Amino acid sequence: MKALSRLAAIATSASGVLASAGAAWAGLGQPTPWEMDLQDSASPVMQDVANFHFFLLWVIAAISAFVLALLLICIVRFNARANPAPSRTTHNTPIEILWTIVPVIILAAIAVPSFRLLFVQLEVPRPDLTVKVTGKQWFWSYSYPDSGNFEFDSLMVQEKDLKPGQLRLLTVDNEMVVPVNKVVHVLVTAADVIHSFTVPSFGIRMDAIPGRVNETWFKATSEGVFYGQCSELCGKDHAFMPIAVRVVNEGDFNTWLTSAKQKYAIDNNAAPNTLAATAAPAIR
């Protein structure tokens, strides 16, 4: 009885915690305590990823329920007590045909939306803006090749330097800034080892490989700050190179761009990779 009472107390406590955290099971642009779902989508690609994810969940649930039903039937009907004289049947042609054809149909039903999603992810639309992202040990550098000759580094803000409301391990000193509802073409490379540029709410993840330029894209549909991290084991500070993308309206973006061209302008007479400035203009 004491054990049952203890289990009931634990269950009650757990249900209370889950109920209080239920509204936070999925977040927009950042991870959320007790999160049990994908981050909310902030781009058409991520919405397609979420739709495909939930479609697969229904398929998996149906298969699991069917297998469970078969197991229960076998347990009830074919145990030694209910079936003392077991059948000697070794083959059943209709069943063998079904368990070959049905999985093929299921895989085909999964493959069609899967290929469509891959096409959407890999086929870059006509871009409104191009951003080059370079992974380094252990931070990110951003440049806007179509918008001017400037580049800046983005490093994680240390915990002791965080301001109220800033996120631990995700806040950076200089954010990547893009306009809302515009197609952003992202060129991804690395200067040293393999990294991976990942922003969950945009549905993008692309490896950054030295000597090679990969590409991906997103179209942010809402303003705000969207966080990601390097998703490739790239060394001792792998866990400390976050990504922060600030999405603003077009007017604020143009204002930032004008300021960035001055503050981050590359001195062509200076040594390679030397930036003219290190501080990012803040957008509020």
C-alpha atoms as a PDB file:
ATOM      1  CA  MET A   1       0.000   0.000   0.000  1.00  0.00           C
ATOM      2  CA  LYS A   2       2.840   2.358   0.846  1.00  0.00           C
ATOM      3  CA  ALA A   3       4.414   1.642  -2.545  1.00  0.00           C
ATOM      4  CA  LEU A   4       1.122   2.344  -4.327  1.00  0.00           C
ATOM      5  CA  SER A   5       0.655   5.583  -2.388  1.00  0.00           C
ATOM      6  CA  ARG A   6       4.184   6.655  -3.289  1.00  0.00           C
ATOM      7  CA  LEU A   7       3.618   5.876  -6.979  1.00  0.00           C
ATOM      8  CA  ALA A   8       0.342   7.826  -6.922  1.00  0.00           C
ATOM      9  CA  ALA A   9       2.087  10.826  -5.376  1.00  0.00           C
ATOM     10  CA  ILE A  10       4.828  10.706  -8.003  1.00  0.00           C
ATOM     11  CA  ALA A  11       2.255  10.451 -10.799  1.00  0.00           C
ATOM     12  CA  THR A  12       0.287  13.398  -9.415  1.00  0.00           C
ATOM     13  CA  SER A  13       3.431  15.508  -9.131  1.00  0.00           C
ATOM     14  CA  ALA A  14       4.566  14.593 -12.641  1.00  0.00           C
ATOM     15  CA  SER A  15       1.162  15.367 -14.143  1.00  0.00           C
ATOM     16  CA  GLY A  16       1.198  18.762 -12.450  1.00  0.00           C
ATOM     17  CA  VAL A  17       4.630  19.565 -13.841  1.00  0.00           C
ATOM     18  CA  LEU A  18       3.630  18.458 -17.332  1.00  0.00           C
ATOM     19  CA  ALA A  19       0.386  20.410 -17.184  1.00  0.00           C
ATOM     20  CA  SER A  20       2.203  23.578 -16.157  1.00  0.00           C
ATOM     21  CA  ALA A  21       4.740  23.094 -18.926  1.00  0.00           C
ATOM     22  CA  GLY A  22       2.233  22.006 -21.562  1.00  0.00           C
ATOM     23  CA  ALA A  23       2.025  25.431 -23.151  1.00  0.00           C
ATOM     24  CA  ALA A  24       5.786  25.384 -23.602  1.00  0.00           C
ATOM     25  CA  TRP A  25       6.182  22.026 -25.309  1.00  0.00           C
ATOM     26  CA  ALA A  26       6.990  23.789 -28.565  1.00  0.00           C
ATOM     27  CA  GLY A  27       8.676  27.173 -28.930  1.00  0.00           C
ATOM     28  CA  LEU A  28       9.220  29.638 -31.732  1.00  0.00           C
ATOM     29  CA  GLY A  29      12.846  30.328 -32.539  1.00  0.00           C
ATOM     30  CA  GLN A  30      14.322  28.820 -29.404  1.00  0.00           C
ATOM     31  CA  PRO A  31      14.214  25.664 -27.263  1.00  0.00           C
ATOM     32  CA  THR A  32      11.661  25.533 -24.474  1.00  0.00           C
ATOM     33  CA  PRO A  33      11.703  23.686 -21.115  1.00  0.00           C
ATOM     34  CA  TRP A  34       9.825  20.376 -21.337  1.00  0.00           C
ATOM     35  CA  GLU A  35       9.655  20.719 -25.099  1.00  0.00           C
ATOM     36  CA  MET A  36       8.287  17.534 -26.664  1.00  0.00           C
ATOM     37  CA  ASP A  37       7.675  18.707 -30.212  1.00  0.00           C
ATOM     38  CA  LEU A  38       9.420  20.417 -33.089  1.00  0.00           C
ATOM     39  CA  GLN A  39       9.977  24.135 -32.739  1.00  0.00           C
ATOM     40  CA  ASP A  40       7.175  26.189 -34.245  1.00  0.00           C
ATOM     41  CA  SER A  41       7.707  26.887 -37.916  1.00  0.00           C
ATOM     42  CA  ALA A  42       8.787  30.328 -39.065  1.00  0.00           C
ATOM     43  CA  SER A  43       9.283  29.481 -42.743  1.00  0.00           C
ATOM     44  CA  PRO A  44       7.395  27.556 -45.447  1.00  0.00           C
ATOM     45  CA  VAL A  45      10.086  24.849 -45.505  1.00  0.00           C
ATOM     46  CA  MET A  46       9.787  24.220 -41.770  1.00  0.00           C
ATOM     47  CA  GLN A  47       6.009  24.019 -42.107  1.00  0.00           C
ATOM     48  CA  ASP A  48       6.473  21.321 -44.757  1.00  0.00           C
ATOM     49  CA  VAL A  49       8.928  19.508 -42.460  1.00  0.00           C
ATOM     50  CA  ALA A  50       6.396  19.625 -39.605  1.00  0.00           C
ATOM     51  CA  ASN A  51       3.581  18.354 -41.834  1.00  0.00           C
ATOM     52  CA  PHE A  52       5.735  15.457 -43.044  1.00  0.00           C
ATOM     53  CA  HIS A  53       6.764  14.699 -39.462  1.00  0.00           C
ATOM     54  CA  PHE A  54       3.164  14.425 -38.266  1.00  0.00           C
ATOM     55  CA  PHE A  55       2.213  12.367 -41.335  1.00  0.00           C
ATOM     56  CA  LEU A  56       4.944   9.875 -40.424  1.00  0.00           C
ATOM     57  CA  LEU A  57       3.752   9.815 -36.811  1.00  0.00           C
ATOM     58  CA  TRP A  58       0.291   8.708 -37.971  1.00  0.00           C
ATOM     59  CA  VAL A  59       1.816   6.041 -40.232  1.00  0.00           C
ATOM     60  CA  ILE A  60       4.039   4.748 -37.430  1.00  0.00           C
ATOM     61  CA  ALA A  61       1.148   4.793 -34.957  1.00  0.00           C
ATOM     62  CA  ALA A  62      -1.057   2.772 -37.329  1.00  0.00           C
ATOM     63  CA  ILE A  63       1.682   0.194 -37.929  1.00  0.00           C
ATOM     64  CA  SER A  64       2.412  -0.092 -34.208  1.00  0.00           C
ATOM     65  CA  ALA A  65      -1.286  -0.516 -33.375  1.00  0.00           C
ATOM     66  CA  PHE A  66      -1.648  -3.224 -36.049  1.00  0.00           C
ATOM     67  CA  VAL A  67       1.391  -5.145 -34.792  1.00  0.00           C
ATOM     68  CA  LEU A  68       0.160  -4.831 -31.194  1.00  0.00           C
ATOM     69  CA  ALA A  69      -3.243  -6.196 -32.236  1.00  0.00           C
ATOM     70  CA  LEU A  70      -1.590  -9.194 -33.929  1.00  0.00           C
ATOM     71  CA  LEU A  71       0.485  -9.884 -30.824  1.00  0.00           C
ATOM     72  CA  LEU A  72      -2.585  -9.741 -28.583  1.00  0.00           C
ATOM     73  CA  ILE A  73      -4.489 -12.096 -30.905  1.00  0.00           C
ATOM     74  CA  CYS A  74      -1.579 -14.545 -30.816  1.00  0.00           C
ATOM     75  CA  ILE A  75      -1.401 -14.335 -27.026  1.00  0.00           C
ATOM     76  CA  VAL A  76      -5.135 -14.911 -26.543  1.00  0.00           C
ATOM     77  CA  ARG A  77      -5.917 -17.431 -29.281  1.00  0.00           C
ATOM     78  CA  PHE A  78      -2.733 -19.411 -29.613  1.00  0.00           C
ATOM     79  CA  ASN A  79      -1.483 -19.968 -26.100  1.00  0.00           C
ATOM     80  CA  ALA A  80      -1.129 -23.535 -24.847  1.00  0.00           C
ATOM     81  CA  ARG A  81      -4.320 -23.414 -22.762  1.00  0.00           C
ATOM     82  CA  ALA A  82      -6.627 -22.044 -25.482  1.00  0.00           C
ATOM     83  CA  ASN A  83      -5.025 -24.004 -28.317  1.00  0.00           C
ATOM     84  CA  PRO A  84      -3.694 -27.340 -26.986  1.00  0.00           C
ATOM     85  CA  ALA A  85      -3.396 -28.779 -30.515  1.00  0.00           C
ATOM     86  CA  PRO A  86      -1.333 -26.258 -32.509  1.00  0.00           C
ATOM     87  CA  SER A  87      -1.747 -25.913 -36.254  1.00  0.00           C
ATOM     88  CA  ARG A  88       0.880 -27.479 -38.510  1.00  0.00           C
ATOM     89  CA  THR A  89       0.423 -24.837 -41.238  1.00  0.00           C
ATOM     90  CA  THR A  90       3.782 -23.713 -42.653  1.00  0.00           C
ATOM     91  CA  HIS A  91       2.751 -21.453 -45.555  1.00  0.00           C
ATOM     92  CA  ASN A  92      -0.094 -19.075 -46.324  1.00  0.00           C
ATOM     93  CA  THR A  93       0.191 -17.671 -49.821  1.00  0.00           C
ATOM     94  CA  PRO A  94      -2.325 -14.771 -49.466  1.00  0.00           C
ATOM     95  CA  ILE A  95      -0.667 -13.548 -46.259  1.00  0.00           C
ATOM     96  CA  GLU A  96       2.809 -13.791 -47.796  1.00  0.00           C
ATOM     97  CA  ILE A  97       1.647 -11.743 -50.782  1.00  0.00           C
ATOM     98  CA  LEU A  98       0.066  -9.154 -48.486  1.00  0.00           C
ATOM     99  CA  TRP A  99       3.113  -8.720 -46.259  1.00  0.00           C
ATOM    100  CA  THR A 100       5.165  -8.084 -49.378  1.00  0.00           C
ATOM    101  CA  ILE A 101       2.799  -5.712 -51.166  1.00  0.00           C
ATOM    102  CA  VAL A 102       1.510  -3.674 -48.210  1.00  0.00           C
ATOM    103  CA  PRO A 103       4.996  -2.512 -47.045  1.00  0.00           C
ATOM    104  CA  VAL A 104       5.772  -1.483 -50.632  1.00  0.00           C
ATOM    105  CA  ILE A 105       2.583   0.608 -50.731  1.00  0.00           C
ATOM    106  CA  ILE A 106       3.437   2.203 -47.370  1.00  0.00           C
ATOM    107  CA  LEU A 107       6.981   3.054 -48.501  1.00  0.00           C
ATOM    108  CA  ALA A 108       5.664   4.546 -51.731  1.00  0.00           C
ATOM    109  CA  ALA A 109       3.182   6.678 -49.771  1.00  0.00           C
ATOM    110  CA  ILE A 110       6.083   7.941 -47.644  1.00  0.00           C
ATOM    111  CA  ALA A 111       8.469   8.433 -50.578  1.00  0.00           C
ATOM    112  CA  VAL A 112       6.244  10.795 -52.568  1.00  0.00           C
ATOM    113  CA  PRO A 113       5.993  13.590 -49.945  1.00  0.00           C
ATOM    114  CA  SER A 114       9.596  12.891 -48.914  1.00  0.00           C
ATOM    115  CA  PHE A 115      10.924  13.556 -52.428  1.00  0.00           C
ATOM    116  CA  ARG A 116       8.716  16.627 -52.712  1.00  0.00           C
ATOM    117  CA  LEU A 117      10.145  18.010 -49.461  1.00  0.00           C
ATOM    118  CA  LEU A 118      13.711  17.325 -50.601  1.00  0.00           C
ATOM    119  CA  PHE A 119      13.032  19.195 -53.833  1.00  0.00           C
ATOM    120  CA  VAL A 120      11.643  22.199 -51.918  1.00  0.00           C
ATOM    121  CA  GLN A 121      14.680  22.240 -49.604  1.00  0.00           C
ATOM    122  CA  LEU A 122      17.309  21.903 -52.327  1.00  0.00           C
ATOM    123  CA  GLU A 123      15.791  24.036 -55.098  1.00  0.00           C
ATOM    124  CA  VAL A 124      16.674  27.608 -54.128  1.00  0.00           C
ATOM    125  CA  PRO A 125      14.091  30.169 -55.360  1.00  0.00           C
ATOM    126  CA  ARG A 126      15.156  33.491 -56.831  1.00  0.00           C
ATOM    127  CA  PRO A 127      16.794  35.145 -53.789  1.00  0.00           C
ATOM    128  CA  ASP A 128      16.157  38.615 -52.436  1.00  0.00           C
ATOM    129  CA  LEU A 129      19.294  38.496 -50.304  1.00  0.00           C
ATOM    130  CA  THR A 130      22.462  36.403 -50.143  1.00  0.00           C
ATOM    131  CA  VAL A 131      24.371  35.766 -46.919  1.00  0.00           C
ATOM    132  CA  LYS A 132      27.657  33.892 -46.774  1.00  0.00           C
ATOM    133  CA  VAL A 133      28.167  31.962 -43.538  1.00  0.00           C
ATOM    134  CA  THR A 134      31.620  30.709 -42.557  1.00  0.00           C
ATOM    135  CA  GLY A 135      32.083  28.302 -39.665  1.00  0.00           C
ATOM    136  CA  LYS A 136      35.261  28.759 -37.655  1.00  0.00           C
ATOM    137  CA  GLN A 137      36.691  27.319 -34.448  1.00  0.00           C
ATOM    138  CA  TRP A 138      34.456  28.176 -32.663  1.00  0.00           C
ATOM    139  CA  PHE A 139      32.230  30.943 -33.965  1.00  0.00           C
ATOM    140  CA  TRP A 140      30.468  32.070 -37.130  1.00  0.00           C
ATOM    141  CA  SER A 141      31.338  34.808 -39.608  1.00  0.00           C
ATOM    142  CA  TYR A 142      28.728  36.491 -41.818  1.00  0.00           C
ATOM    143  CA  SER A 143      29.136  38.503 -44.994  1.00  0.00           C
ATOM    144  CA  TYR A 144      26.589  39.963 -47.402  1.00  0.00           C
ATOM    145  CA  PRO A 145      28.226  39.680 -50.852  1.00  0.00           C
ATOM    146  CA  ASP A 146      25.349  41.317 -52.719  1.00  0.00           C
ATOM    147  CA  SER A 147      25.042  44.218 -50.292  1.00  0.00           C
ATOM    148  CA  GLY A 148      28.555  45.536 -49.790  1.00  0.00           C
ATOM    149  CA  ASN A 149      32.105  44.665 -48.852  1.00  0.00           C
ATOM    150  CA  PHE A 150      31.688  43.895 -45.163  1.00  0.00           C
ATOM    151  CA  GLU A 151      31.955  40.924 -42.816  1.00  0.00           C
ATOM    152  CA  PHE A 152      31.569  40.367 -39.085  1.00  0.00           C
ATOM    153  CA  ASP A 153      32.133  37.630 -36.527  1.00  0.00           C
ATOM    154  CA  SER A 154      29.421  36.301 -34.220  1.00  0.00           C
ATOM    155  CA  LEU A 155      30.579  34.912 -30.867  1.00  0.00           C
ATOM    156  CA  MET A 156      28.625  33.550 -27.936  1.00  0.00           C
ATOM    157  CA  VAL A 157      28.094  35.942 -25.031  1.00  0.00           C
ATOM    158  CA  GLN A 158      29.586  34.476 -21.864  1.00  0.00           C
ATOM    159  CA  GLU A 159      27.194  33.699 -19.036  1.00  0.00           C
ATOM    160  CA  LYS A 160      28.694  36.361 -16.753  1.00  0.00           C
ATOM    161  CA  ASP A 161      28.019  39.022 -19.411  1.00  0.00           C
ATOM    162  CA  LEU A 162      24.374  38.131 -20.105  1.00  0.00           C
ATOM    163  CA  LYS A 163      21.741  40.813 -19.657  1.00  0.00           C
ATOM    164  CA  PRO A 164      18.247  40.120 -18.273  1.00  0.00           C
ATOM    165  CA  GLY A 165      16.171  38.206 -20.798  1.00  0.00           C
ATOM    166  CA  GLN A 166      19.143  36.971 -22.831  1.00  0.00           C
ATOM    167  CA  LEU A 167      19.450  33.220 -23.324  1.00  0.00           C
ATOM    168  CA  ARG A 168      22.361  31.254 -21.914  1.00  0.00           C
ATOM    169  CA  LEU A 169      24.488  29.474 -24.550  1.00  0.00           C
ATOM    170  CA  LEU A 170      22.428  31.015 -27.384  1.00  0.00           C
ATOM    171  CA  THR A 171      22.924  34.788 -27.170  1.00  0.00           C
ATOM    172  CA  VAL A 172      25.641  36.226 -29.440  1.00  0.00           C
ATOM    173  CA  ASP A 173      27.344  39.583 -29.683  1.00  0.00           C
ATOM    174  CA  ASN A 174      26.603  40.131 -33.393  1.00  0.00           C
ATOM    175  CA  GLU A 175      23.449  38.680 -34.904  1.00  0.00           C
ATOM    176  CA  MET A 176      22.805  37.788 -38.516  1.00  0.00           C
ATOM    177  CA  VAL A 177      20.102  40.236 -39.649  1.00  0.00           C
ATOM    178  CA  VAL A 178      17.634  39.551 -42.474  1.00  0.00           C
ATOM    179  CA  PRO A 179      14.334  41.099 -43.653  1.00  0.00           C
ATOM    180  CA  VAL A 180      11.012  39.381 -43.080  1.00  0.00           C
ATOM    181  CA  ASN A 181       9.153  37.689 -45.968  1.00  0.00           C
ATOM    182  CA  LYS A 182      12.227  37.708 -48.208  1.00  0.00           C
ATOM    183  CA  VAL A 183      14.016  34.716 -49.731  1.00  0.00           C
ATOM    184  CA  VAL A 184      17.453  34.497 -48.124  1.00  0.00           C
ATOM    185  CA  HIS A 185      20.048  32.486 -50.039  1.00  0.00           C
ATOM    186  CA  VAL A 186      22.605  31.127 -47.561  1.00  0.00           C
ATOM    187  CA  LEU A 187      26.071  30.107 -48.757  1.00  0.00           C
ATOM    188  CA  VAL A 188      27.715  27.864 -46.169  1.00  0.00           C
ATOM    189  CA  THR A 189      31.417  27.034 -45.869  1.00  0.00           C
ATOM    190  CA  ALA A 190      34.102  26.549 -43.207  1.00  0.00           C
ATOM    191  CA  ALA A 191      37.597  27.856 -42.600  1.00  0.00           C
ATOM    192  CA  ASP A 192      39.040  24.933 -40.628  1.00  0.00           C
ATOM    193  CA  VAL A 193      36.964  21.829 -39.820  1.00  0.00           C
ATOM    194  CA  ILE A 194      33.450  20.643 -40.682  1.00  0.00           C
ATOM    195  CA  HIS A 195      30.657  22.555 -38.946  1.00  0.00           C
ATOM    196  CA  SER A 196      26.894  22.501 -39.523  1.00  0.00           C
ATOM    197  CA  PHE A 197      24.658  25.575 -39.824  1.00  0.00           C
ATOM    198  CA  THR A 198      21.296  24.740 -38.244  1.00  0.00           C
ATOM    199  CA  VAL A 199      18.267  26.897 -37.395  1.00  0.00           C
ATOM    200  CA  PRO A 200      15.332  24.633 -36.383  1.00  0.00           C
ATOM    201  CA  SER A 201      12.462  27.130 -36.800  1.00  0.00           C
ATOM    202  CA  PHE A 202      13.568  27.769 -40.395  1.00  0.00           C
ATOM    203  CA  GLY A 203      13.913  24.071 -41.179  1.00  0.00           C
ATOM    204  CA  ILE A 204      17.502  24.449 -42.396  1.00  0.00           C
ATOM    205  CA  ARG A 205      20.598  22.405 -41.655  1.00  0.00           C
ATOM    206  CA  MET A 206      23.619  22.513 -43.924  1.00  0.00           C
ATOM    207  CA  ASP A 207      27.163  21.239 -43.423  1.00  0.00           C
ATOM    208  CA  ALA A 208      29.950  23.811 -43.566  1.00  0.00           C
ATOM    209  CA  ILE A 209      32.910  22.080 -45.236  1.00  0.00           C
ATOM    210  CA  PRO A 210      36.367  23.624 -45.769  1.00  0.00           C
ATOM    211  CA  GLY A 211      37.084  24.285 -49.438  1.00  0.00           C
ATOM    212  CA  ARG A 212      33.477  23.793 -50.481  1.00  0.00           C
ATOM    213  CA  VAL A 213      30.436  26.085 -50.618  1.00  0.00           C
ATOM    214  CA  ASN A 214      27.059  24.496 -49.893  1.00  0.00           C
ATOM    215  CA  GLU A 215      23.780  26.346 -50.205  1.00  0.00           C
ATOM    216  CA  THR A 216      20.431  26.442 -48.494  1.00  0.00           C
ATOM    217  CA  TRP A 217      17.634  28.982 -48.150  1.00  0.00           C
ATOM    218  CA  PHE A 218      14.807  30.180 -45.968  1.00  0.00           C
ATOM    219  CA  LYS A 219      12.013  32.729 -45.997  1.00  0.00           C
ATOM    220  CA  ALA A 220      11.215  33.956 -42.488  1.00  0.00           C
ATOM    221  CA  THR A 221       7.514  34.682 -42.102  1.00  0.00           C
ATOM    222  CA  SER A 222       7.615  36.457 -38.733  1.00  0.00           C
ATOM    223  CA  GLU A 223       9.882  38.954 -37.011  1.00  0.00           C
ATOM    224  CA  GLY A 224      11.964  38.108 -33.985  1.00  0.00           C
ATOM    225  CA  VAL A 225      15.206  36.373 -33.042  1.00  0.00           C
ATOM    226  CA  PHE A 226      15.634  32.755 -34.089  1.00  0.00           C
ATOM    227  CA  TYR A 227      18.354  30.616 -32.563  1.00  0.00           C
ATOM    228  CA  GLY A 228      20.319  27.621 -33.742  1.00  0.00           C
ATOM    229  CA  GLN A 229      23.621  25.906 -33.059  1.00  0.00           C
ATOM    230  CA  CYS A 230      26.406  24.073 -34.821  1.00  0.00           C
ATOM    231  CA  SER A 231      25.134  20.518 -35.291  1.00  0.00           C
ATOM    232  CA  GLU A 232      28.440  18.862 -36.177  1.00  0.00           C
ATOM    233  CA  LEU A 233      30.982  17.708 -33.589  1.00  0.00           C
ATOM    234  CA  CYS A 234      33.712  20.173 -34.477  1.00  0.00           C
ATOM    235  CA  GLY A 235      36.004  20.278 -31.450  1.00  0.00           C
ATOM    236  CA  LYS A 236      36.204  21.232 -27.810  1.00  0.00           C
ATOM    237  CA  ASP A 237      33.981  24.334 -28.107  1.00  0.00           C
ATOM    238  CA  HIS A 238      31.402  22.729 -30.379  1.00  0.00           C
ATOM    239  CA  ALA A 239      28.666  23.408 -27.825  1.00  0.00           C
ATOM    240  CA  PHE A 240      29.534  27.104 -27.654  1.00  0.00           C
ATOM    241  CA  MET A 241      29.026  28.384 -31.205  1.00  0.00           C
ATOM    242  CA  PRO A 242      25.348  29.364 -31.350  1.00  0.00           C
ATOM    243  CA  ILE A 243      23.525  30.989 -34.251  1.00  0.00           C
ATOM    244  CA  ALA A 244      21.220  33.982 -33.813  1.00  0.00           C
ATOM    245  CA  VAL A 245      19.195  35.324 -36.744  1.00  0.00           C
ATOM    246  CA  ARG A 246      17.290  38.562 -36.179  1.00  0.00           C
ATOM    247  CA  VAL A 247      14.360  38.996 -38.587  1.00  0.00           C
ATOM    248  CA  VAL A 248      13.197  42.603 -38.980  1.00  0.00           C
ATOM    249  CA  ASN A 249      10.987  44.602 -41.296  1.00  0.00           C
ATOM    250  CA  GLU A 250      12.485  45.941 -44.515  1.00  0.00           C
ATOM    251  CA  GLY A 251      12.911  49.476 -43.221  1.00  0.00           C
ATOM    252  CA  ASP A 252      14.852  48.368 -40.139  1.00  0.00           C
ATOM    253  CA  PHE A 253      16.932  46.059 -42.282  1.00  0.00           C
ATOM    254  CA  ASN A 254      17.927  48.876 -44.639  1.00  0.00           C
ATOM    255  CA  THR A 255      18.863  51.013 -41.646  1.00  0.00           C
ATOM    256  CA  TRP A 256      20.988  48.189 -40.221  1.00  0.00           C
ATOM    257  CA  LEU A 257      22.581  47.557 -43.608  1.00  0.00           C
ATOM    258  CA  THR A 258      23.644  51.194 -43.962  1.00  0.00           C
ATOM    259  CA  SER A 259      25.216  51.101 -40.505  1.00  0.00           C
ATOM    260  CA  ALA A 260      26.812  47.681 -41.062  1.00  0.00           C
ATOM    261  CA  LYS A 261      28.546  48.804 -44.253  1.00  0.00           C
ATOM    262  CA  GLN A 262      30.385  51.409 -42.205  1.00  0.00           C
ATOM    263  CA  LYS A 263      31.004  49.484 -38.995  1.00  0.00           C
ATOM    264  CA  TYR A 264      31.989  46.184 -40.570  1.00  0.00           C
ATOM    265  CA  ALA A 265      33.690  47.439 -43.719  1.00  0.00           C
ATOM    266  CA  ILE A 266      36.656  45.288 -44.717  1.00  0.00           C
ATOM    267  CA  ASP A 267      39.951  47.104 -45.064  1.00  0.00           C
ATOM    268  CA  ASN A 268      41.356  45.713 -48.309  1.00  0.00           C
ATOM    269  CA  ASN A 269      44.806  46.969 -47.342  1.00  0.00           C
ATOM    270  CA  ALA A 270      44.772  45.113 -44.038  1.00  0.00           C
ATOM    271  CA  ALA A 271      45.813  41.538 -43.373  1.00  0.00           C
ATOM    272  CA  PRO A 272      43.358  38.825 -44.520  1.00  0.00           C
ATOM    273  CA  ASN A 273      40.350  38.191 -42.266  1.00  0.00           C
ATOM    274  CA  THR A 274      40.951  41.428 -40.363  1.00  0.00           C
ATOM    275  CA  LEU A 275      37.705  43.272 -39.662  1.00  0.00           C
ATOM    276  CA  ALA A 276      37.445  46.982 -39.331  1.00  0.00           C
ATOM    277  CA  ALA A 277      35.038  46.709 -36.407  1.00  0.00           C
ATOM    278  CA  THR A 278      33.885  44.174 -33.864  1.00  0.00           C
ATOM    279  CA  ALA A 279      30.633  45.552 -32.485  1.00  0.00           C
ATOM    280  CA  ALA A 280      27.236  44.987 -34.053  1.00  0.00           C
ATOM    281  CA  PRO A 281      24.688  47.755 -34.451  1.00  0.00           C
ATOM    282  CA  ALA A 282      21.732  46.910 -32.282  1.00  0.00           C
ATOM    283  CA  ILE A 283      18.226  46.855 -33.674  1.00  0.00           C
ATOM    284  CA  ARG A 284      15.411  47.597 -31.297  1.00  0.00           C
END
